Amino acid sequence: MSATIAKTLDMKGFNCPLPIAKTAQAIREIEPGELLQVLATDPGSVPDFKAWCRTTGNQLVEHTETDGVYRFVVRRKG
């Protein structure tokens, strides 16, 4: 499995449910095991990403917040 980011999705400025909806589309565009990076500014995206990963089986590899920008790294289930 690759440790490099296969795709980045910039969802800064968008609110729920758009970051999760677009993530669900983007995750299908990468191969199983690859990483998707999502950048968001909606604080509600934190619990949303945790719940979405739990229910879809994709792995939330990393979650950080810097200056109001939330960065999520999701590994597509494979």
PDB file of N, CA and C in Angstrom:
ATOM      1  N   MET A   1       0.837  -1.190   0.000  1.00  0.00           N
ATOM      2  CA  MET A   1       0.000   0.000   0.000  1.00  0.00           C
ATOM      3  C   MET A   1       0.874   1.243   0.000  1.00  0.00           C
ATOM      4  N   SER A   2       0.491   2.204  -0.785  1.00  0.00           N
ATOM      5  CA  SER A   2       1.258   3.427  -0.922  1.00  0.00           C
ATOM      6  C   SER A   2       1.001   4.363   0.250  1.00  0.00           C
ATOM      7  N   ALA A   3       2.054   5.081   0.656  1.00  0.00           N
ATOM      8  CA  ALA A   3       1.918   6.046   1.735  1.00  0.00           C
ATOM      9  C   ALA A   3       1.787   7.456   1.189  1.00  0.00           C
ATOM     10  N   THR A   4       1.761   7.602  -0.130  1.00  0.00           N
ATOM     11  CA  THR A   4       1.619   8.924  -0.718  1.00  0.00           C
ATOM     12  C   THR A   4       0.152   9.227  -0.994  1.00  0.00           C
ATOM     13  N   ILE A   5      -0.152  10.506  -1.026  1.00  0.00           N
ATOM     14  CA  ILE A   5      -1.525  10.946  -1.276  1.00  0.00           C
ATOM     15  C   ILE A   5      -1.833  10.763  -2.763  1.00  0.00           C
ATOM     16  N   ALA A   6      -2.879  10.009  -3.061  1.00  0.00           N
ATOM     17  CA  ALA A   6      -3.269   9.762  -4.452  1.00  0.00           C
ATOM     18  C   ALA A   6      -4.106  10.912  -5.013  1.00  0.00           C
ATOM     19  N   LYS A   7      -4.871  11.572  -4.141  1.00  0.00           N
ATOM     20  CA  LYS A   7      -5.783  12.632  -4.585  1.00  0.00           C
ATOM     21  C   LYS A   7      -6.036  13.575  -3.418  1.00  0.00           C
ATOM     22  N   THR A   8      -6.167  14.863  -3.723  1.00  0.00           N
ATOM     23  CA  THR A   8      -6.505  15.862  -2.708  1.00  0.00           C
ATOM     24  C   THR A   8      -7.818  16.519  -3.095  1.00  0.00           C
ATOM     25  N   LEU A   9      -8.683  16.665  -2.107  1.00  0.00           N
ATOM     26  CA  LEU A   9      -9.990  17.280  -2.292  1.00  0.00           C
ATOM     27  C   LEU A   9     -10.050  18.522  -1.410  1.00  0.00           C
ATOM     28  N   ASP A  10     -10.184  19.691  -2.022  1.00  0.00           N
ATOM     29  CA  ASP A  10     -10.237  20.954  -1.272  1.00  0.00           C
ATOM     30  C   ASP A  10     -11.695  21.340  -1.049  1.00  0.00           C
ATOM     31  N   MET A  11     -12.164  21.156   0.175  1.00  0.00           N
ATOM     32  CA  MET A  11     -13.552  21.472   0.526  1.00  0.00           C
ATOM     33  C   MET A  11     -13.630  22.658   1.488  1.00  0.00           C
ATOM     34  N   LYS A  12     -12.590  23.486   1.507  1.00  0.00           N
ATOM     35  CA  LYS A  12     -12.592  24.662   2.381  1.00  0.00           C
ATOM     36  C   LYS A  12     -13.718  25.602   1.953  1.00  0.00           C
ATOM     37  N   GLY A  13     -14.462  26.075   2.938  1.00  0.00           N
ATOM     38  CA  GLY A  13     -15.560  26.989   2.669  1.00  0.00           C
ATOM     39  C   GLY A  13     -16.905  26.318   2.469  1.00  0.00           C
ATOM     40  N   PHE A  14     -16.926  25.004   2.385  1.00  0.00           N
ATOM     41  CA  PHE A  14     -18.180  24.264   2.204  1.00  0.00           C
ATOM     42  C   PHE A  14     -18.633  23.649   3.525  1.00  0.00           C
ATOM     43  N   ASN A  15     -19.932  23.606   3.731  1.00  0.00           N
ATOM     44  CA  ASN A  15     -20.490  23.037   4.954  1.00  0.00           C
ATOM     45  C   ASN A  15     -21.157  21.702   4.684  1.00  0.00           C
ATOM     46  N   CYS A  16     -21.427  20.994   5.772  1.00  0.00           N
ATOM     47  CA  CYS A  16     -22.098  19.707   5.744  1.00  0.00           C
ATOM     48  C   CYS A  16     -23.384  19.836   4.934  1.00  0.00           C
ATOM     49  N   PRO A  17     -23.680  18.884   4.112  1.00  0.00           N
ATOM     50  CA  PRO A  17     -23.066  17.572   3.926  1.00  0.00           C
ATOM     51  C   PRO A  17     -22.083  17.506   2.756  1.00  0.00           C
ATOM     52  N   LEU A  18     -21.762  18.652   2.133  1.00  0.00           N
ATOM     53  CA  LEU A  18     -20.955  18.632   0.914  1.00  0.00           C
ATOM     54  C   LEU A  18     -19.580  17.993   1.069  1.00  0.00           C
ATOM     55  N   PRO A  19     -18.806  18.276   2.139  1.00  0.00           N
ATOM     56  CA  PRO A  19     -17.494  17.609   2.237  1.00  0.00           C
ATOM     57  C   PRO A  19     -17.581  16.082   2.235  1.00  0.00           C
ATOM     58  N   ILE A  20     -18.550  15.533   2.923  1.00  0.00           N
ATOM     59  CA  ILE A  20     -18.697  14.068   2.958  1.00  0.00           C
ATOM     60  C   ILE A  20     -19.220  13.552   1.625  1.00  0.00           C
ATOM     61  N   ALA A  21     -20.160  14.239   1.034  1.00  0.00           N
ATOM     62  CA  ALA A  21     -20.714  13.805  -0.258  1.00  0.00           C
ATOM     63  C   ALA A  21     -19.632  13.787  -1.334  1.00  0.00           C
ATOM     64  N   LYS A  22     -18.811  14.829  -1.374  1.00  0.00           N
ATOM     65  CA  LYS A  22     -17.738  14.890  -2.370  1.00  0.00           C
ATOM     66  C   LYS A  22     -16.638  13.881  -2.053  1.00  0.00           C
ATOM     67  N   THR A  23     -16.405  13.616  -0.769  1.00  0.00           N
ATOM     68  CA  THR A  23     -15.422  12.599  -0.375  1.00  0.00           C
ATOM     69  C   THR A  23     -15.881  11.225  -0.841  1.00  0.00           C
ATOM     70  N   ALA A  24     -17.159  10.948  -0.691  1.00  0.00           N
ATOM     71  CA  ALA A  24     -17.711   9.659  -1.120  1.00  0.00           C
ATOM     72  C   ALA A  24     -17.515   9.463  -2.625  1.00  0.00           C
ATOM     73  N   GLN A  25     -17.632  10.545  -3.400  1.00  0.00           N
ATOM     74  CA  GLN A  25     -17.399  10.452  -4.847  1.00  0.00           C
ATOM     75  C   GLN A  25     -15.910  10.268  -5.138  1.00  0.00           C
ATOM     76  N   ALA A  26     -15.069  11.063  -4.475  1.00  0.00           N
ATOM     77  CA  ALA A  26     -13.628  11.054  -4.750  1.00  0.00           C
ATOM     78  C   ALA A  26     -12.970   9.738  -4.347  1.00  0.00           C
ATOM     79  N   ILE A  27     -13.465   9.101  -3.291  1.00  0.00           N
ATOM     80  CA  ILE A  27     -12.843   7.856  -2.819  1.00  0.00           C
ATOM     81  C   ILE A  27     -12.987   6.759  -3.878  1.00  0.00           C
ATOM     82  N   ARG A  28     -14.035   6.852  -4.690  1.00  0.00           N
ATOM     83  CA  ARG A  28     -14.247   5.859  -5.749  1.00  0.00           C
ATOM     84  C   ARG A  28     -13.307   6.087  -6.931  1.00  0.00           C
ATOM     85  N   GLU A  29     -12.651   7.239  -6.976  1.00  0.00           N
ATOM     86  CA  GLU A  29     -11.754   7.570  -8.080  1.00  0.00           C
ATOM     87  C   GLU A  29     -10.312   7.120  -7.826  1.00  0.00           C
ATOM     88  N   ILE A  30     -10.054   6.590  -6.629  1.00  0.00           N
ATOM     89  CA  ILE A  30      -8.718   6.100  -6.317  1.00  0.00           C
ATOM     90  C   ILE A  30      -8.786   4.590  -6.107  1.00  0.00           C
ATOM     91  N   GLU A  31      -7.635   3.958  -6.124  1.00  0.00           N
ATOM     92  CA  GLU A  31      -7.569   2.505  -5.980  1.00  0.00           C
ATOM     93  C   GLU A  31      -7.658   2.090  -4.510  1.00  0.00           C
ATOM     94  N   PRO A  32      -8.143   0.876  -4.234  1.00  0.00           N
ATOM     95  CA  PRO A  32      -8.150   0.375  -2.858  1.00  0.00           C
ATOM     96  C   PRO A  32      -6.741   0.447  -2.264  1.00  0.00           C
ATOM     97  N   GLY A  33      -6.671   0.929  -1.030  1.00  0.00           N
ATOM     98  CA  GLY A  33      -5.397   1.071  -0.343  1.00  0.00           C
ATOM     99  C   GLY A  33      -4.747   2.431  -0.519  1.00  0.00           C
ATOM    100  N   GLU A  34      -5.183   3.194  -1.526  1.00  0.00           N
ATOM    101  CA  GLU A  34      -4.605   4.516  -1.743  1.00  0.00           C
ATOM    102  C   GLU A  34      -5.197   5.534  -0.768  1.00  0.00           C
ATOM    103  N   LEU A  35      -4.517   6.674  -0.664  1.00  0.00           N
ATOM    104  CA  LEU A  35      -4.901   7.707   0.292  1.00  0.00           C
ATOM    105  C   LEU A  35      -5.559   8.892  -0.392  1.00  0.00           C
ATOM    106  N   LEU A  36      -6.624   9.384   0.247  1.00  0.00           N
ATOM    107  CA  LEU A  36      -7.322  10.595  -0.171  1.00  0.00           C
ATOM    108  C   LEU A  36      -7.140  11.633   0.931  1.00  0.00           C
ATOM    109  N   GLN A  37      -6.673  12.817   0.553  1.00  0.00           N
ATOM    110  CA  GLN A  37      -6.536  13.918   1.513  1.00  0.00           C
ATOM    111  C   GLN A  37      -7.688  14.885   1.280  1.00  0.00           C
ATOM    112  N   VAL A  38      -8.355  15.275   2.364  1.00  0.00           N
ATOM    113  CA  VAL A  38      -9.457  16.223   2.263  1.00  0.00           C
ATOM    114  C   VAL A  38      -9.154  17.400   3.188  1.00  0.00           C
ATOM    115  N   LEU A  39      -9.297  18.609   2.665  1.00  0.00           N
ATOM    116  CA  LEU A  39      -9.124  19.829   3.444  1.00  0.00           C
ATOM    117  C   LEU A  39     -10.483  20.478   3.600  1.00  0.00           C
ATOM    118  N   ALA A  40     -10.854  20.810   4.843  1.00  0.00           N
ATOM    119  CA  ALA A  40     -12.171  21.385   5.115  1.00  0.00           C
ATOM    120  C   ALA A  40     -12.062  22.446   6.202  1.00  0.00           C
ATOM    121  N   THR A  41     -13.044  23.337   6.252  1.00  0.00           N
ATOM    122  CA  THR A  41     -13.071  24.370   7.285  1.00  0.00           C
ATOM    123  C   THR A  41     -14.290  24.236   8.201  1.00  0.00           C
ATOM    124  N   ASP A  42     -15.200  23.349   7.889  1.00  0.00           N
ATOM    125  CA  ASP A  42     -16.402  23.139   8.700  1.00  0.00           C
ATOM    126  C   ASP A  42     -16.053  22.297   9.927  1.00  0.00           C
ATOM    127  N   PRO A  43     -16.191  22.865  11.153  1.00  0.00           N
ATOM    128  CA  PRO A  43     -15.887  22.083  12.355  1.00  0.00           C
ATOM    129  C   PRO A  43     -16.729  20.815  12.468  1.00  0.00           C
ATOM    130  N   GLY A  44     -17.909  20.827  11.870  1.00  0.00           N
ATOM    131  CA  GLY A  44     -18.768  19.654  11.882  1.00  0.00           C
ATOM    132  C   GLY A  44     -18.215  18.501  11.068  1.00  0.00           C
ATOM    133  N   SER A  45     -17.210  18.788  10.247  1.00  0.00           N
ATOM    134  CA  SER A  45     -16.624  17.722   9.437  1.00  0.00           C
ATOM    135  C   SER A  45     -15.849  16.718  10.285  1.00  0.00           C
ATOM    136  N   VAL A  46     -15.398  17.127  11.468  1.00  0.00           N
ATOM    137  CA  VAL A  46     -14.635  16.210  12.326  1.00  0.00           C
ATOM    138  C   VAL A  46     -15.474  14.995  12.719  1.00  0.00           C
ATOM    139  N   PRO A  47     -16.629  15.185  13.362  1.00  0.00           N
ATOM    140  CA  PRO A  47     -17.439  13.996  13.677  1.00  0.00           C
ATOM    141  C   PRO A  47     -18.004  13.327  12.429  1.00  0.00           C
ATOM    142  N   ASP A  48     -18.257  14.117  11.381  1.00  0.00           N
ATOM    143  CA  ASP A  48     -18.787  13.550  10.141  1.00  0.00           C
ATOM    144  C   ASP A  48     -17.808  12.557   9.523  1.00  0.00           C
ATOM    145  N   PHE A  49     -16.526  12.929   9.448  1.00  0.00           N
ATOM    146  CA  PHE A  49     -15.533  12.036   8.848  1.00  0.00           C
ATOM    147  C   PHE A  49     -15.336  10.780   9.686  1.00  0.00           C
ATOM    148  N   LYS A  50     -15.327  10.937  11.005  1.00  0.00           N
ATOM    149  CA  LYS A  50     -15.180   9.761  11.871  1.00  0.00           C
ATOM    150  C   LYS A  50     -16.342   8.795  11.650  1.00  0.00           C
ATOM    151  N   ALA A  51     -17.545   9.320  11.618  1.00  0.00           N
ATOM    152  CA  ALA A  51     -18.731   8.478  11.432  1.00  0.00           C
ATOM    153  C   ALA A  51     -18.759   7.862  10.028  1.00  0.00           C
ATOM    154  N   TRP A  52     -18.421   8.646   9.018  1.00  0.00           N
ATOM    155  CA  TRP A  52     -18.438   8.152   7.650  1.00  0.00           C
ATOM    156  C   TRP A  52     -17.431   7.017   7.469  1.00  0.00           C
ATOM    157  N   CYS A  53     -16.240   7.192   8.011  1.00  0.00           N
ATOM    158  CA  CYS A  53     -15.230   6.134   7.900  1.00  0.00           C
ATOM    159  C   CYS A  53     -15.673   4.872   8.629  1.00  0.00           C
ATOM    160  N   ARG A  54     -16.254   5.047   9.785  1.00  0.00           N
ATOM    161  CA  ARG A  54     -16.719   3.902  10.564  1.00  0.00           C
ATOM    162  C   ARG A  54     -17.802   3.137   9.801  1.00  0.00           C
ATOM    163  N   THR A  55     -18.718   3.838   9.169  1.00  0.00           N
ATOM    164  CA  THR A  55     -19.832   3.169   8.498  1.00  0.00           C
ATOM    165  C   THR A  55     -19.458   2.623   7.119  1.00  0.00           C
ATOM    166  N   THR A  56     -18.443   3.208   6.461  1.00  0.00           N
ATOM    167  CA  THR A  56     -18.080   2.755   5.117  1.00  0.00           C
ATOM    168  C   THR A  56     -16.942   1.743   5.117  1.00  0.00           C
ATOM    169  N   GLY A  57     -16.196   1.664   6.219  1.00  0.00           N
ATOM    170  CA  GLY A  57     -15.066   0.746   6.279  1.00  0.00           C
ATOM    171  C   GLY A  57     -13.765   1.346   5.778  1.00  0.00           C
ATOM    172  N   ASN A  58     -13.804   2.598   5.310  1.00  0.00           N
ATOM    173  CA  ASN A  58     -12.572   3.283   4.942  1.00  0.00           C
ATOM    174  C   ASN A  58     -11.860   3.706   6.219  1.00  0.00           C
ATOM    175  N   GLN A  59     -10.536   3.815   6.164  1.00  0.00           N
ATOM    176  CA  GLN A  59      -9.753   4.089   7.375  1.00  0.00           C
ATOM    177  C   GLN A  59      -9.354   5.555   7.447  1.00  0.00           C
ATOM    178  N   LEU A  60      -9.699   6.209   8.573  1.00  0.00           N
ATOM    179  CA  LEU A  60      -9.235   7.567   8.834  1.00  0.00           C
ATOM    180  C   LEU A  60      -7.820   7.451   9.382  1.00  0.00           C
ATOM    181  N   VAL A  61      -6.844   7.681   8.516  1.00  0.00           N
ATOM    182  CA  VAL A  61      -5.441   7.488   8.852  1.00  0.00           C
ATOM    183  C   VAL A  61      -4.918   8.650   9.683  1.00  0.00           C
ATOM    184  N   GLU A  62      -5.373   9.855   9.352  1.00  0.00           N
ATOM    185  CA  GLU A  62      -4.856  11.046  10.011  1.00  0.00           C
ATOM    186  C   GLU A  62      -5.911  12.130  10.033  1.00  0.00           C
ATOM    187  N   HIS A  63      -5.907  12.915  11.116  1.00  0.00           N
ATOM    188  CA  HIS A  63      -6.801  14.062  11.238  1.00  0.00           C
ATOM    189  C   HIS A  63      -6.051  15.136  12.000  1.00  0.00           C
ATOM    190  N   THR A  64      -5.852  16.291  11.380  1.00  0.00           N
ATOM    191  CA  THR A  64      -5.185  17.407  12.038  1.00  0.00           C
ATOM    192  C   THR A  64      -5.978  18.681  11.796  1.00  0.00           C
ATOM    193  N   GLU A  65      -5.682  19.692  12.597  1.00  0.00           N
ATOM    194  CA  GLU A  65      -6.315  21.004  12.429  1.00  0.00           C
ATOM    195  C   GLU A  65      -5.240  22.061  12.597  1.00  0.00           C
ATOM    196  N   THR A  66      -5.127  22.957  11.618  1.00  0.00           N
ATOM    197  CA  THR A  66      -4.171  24.049  11.662  1.00  0.00           C
ATOM    198  C   THR A  66      -4.855  25.317  11.178  1.00  0.00           C
ATOM    199  N   ASP A  67      -4.923  26.317  12.054  1.00  0.00           N
ATOM    200  CA  ASP A  67      -5.502  27.621  11.694  1.00  0.00           C
ATOM    201  C   ASP A  67      -6.905  27.498  11.098  1.00  0.00           C
ATOM    202  N   GLY A  68      -7.716  26.621  11.669  1.00  0.00           N
ATOM    203  CA  GLY A  68      -9.094  26.469  11.221  1.00  0.00           C
ATOM    204  C   GLY A  68      -9.293  25.601   9.992  1.00  0.00           C
ATOM    205  N   VAL A  69      -8.218  24.993   9.504  1.00  0.00           N
ATOM    206  CA  VAL A  69      -8.328  24.074   8.366  1.00  0.00           C
ATOM    207  C   VAL A  69      -8.127  22.653   8.885  1.00  0.00           C
ATOM    208  N   TYR A  70      -9.130  21.834   8.645  1.00  0.00           N
ATOM    209  CA  TYR A  70      -9.091  20.436   9.067  1.00  0.00           C
ATOM    210  C   TYR A  70      -8.561  19.603   7.911  1.00  0.00           C
ATOM    211  N   ARG A  71      -7.593  18.759   8.215  1.00  0.00           N
ATOM    212  CA  ARG A  71      -6.998  17.887   7.195  1.00  0.00           C
ATOM    213  C   ARG A  71      -7.310  16.443   7.573  1.00  0.00           C
ATOM    214  N   PHE A  72      -7.923  15.748   6.650  1.00  0.00           N
ATOM    215  CA  PHE A  72      -8.259  14.340   6.851  1.00  0.00           C
ATOM    216  C   PHE A  72      -7.536  13.523   5.790  1.00  0.00           C
ATOM    217  N   VAL A  73      -6.938  12.422   6.216  1.00  0.00           N
ATOM    218  CA  VAL A  73      -6.329  11.482   5.272  1.00  0.00           C
ATOM    219  C   VAL A  73      -7.061  10.157   5.441  1.00  0.00           C
ATOM    220  N   VAL A  74      -7.679   9.718   4.367  1.00  0.00           N
ATOM    221  CA  VAL A  74      -8.513   8.516   4.383  1.00  0.00           C
ATOM    222  C   VAL A  74      -7.912   7.479   3.442  1.00  0.00           C
ATOM    223  N   ARG A  75      -7.762   6.255   3.943  1.00  0.00           N
ATOM    224  CA  ARG A  75      -7.300   5.140   3.101  1.00  0.00           C
ATOM    225  C   ARG A  75      -8.541   4.398   2.602  1.00  0.00           C
ATOM    226  N   ARG A  76      -8.628   4.248   1.275  1.00  0.00           N
ATOM    227  CA  ARG A  76      -9.760   3.515   0.708  1.00  0.00           C
ATOM    228  C   ARG A  76      -9.665   2.048   1.108  1.00  0.00           C
ATOM    229  N   LYS A  77     -10.806   1.527   1.542  1.00  0.00           N
ATOM    230  CA  LYS A  77     -10.826   0.111   1.936  1.00  0.00           C
ATOM    231  C   LYS A  77     -10.490  -0.745   0.749  1.00  0.00           C
ATOM    232  N   GLY A  78      -9.879  -1.865   1.037  1.00  0.00           N
ATOM    233  CA  GLY A  78      -9.466  -2.695  -0.074  1.00  0.00           C
ATOM    234  C   GLY A  78      -9.577  -4.117   0.262  1.00  0.00           C
TER     235      GLY A  78
END
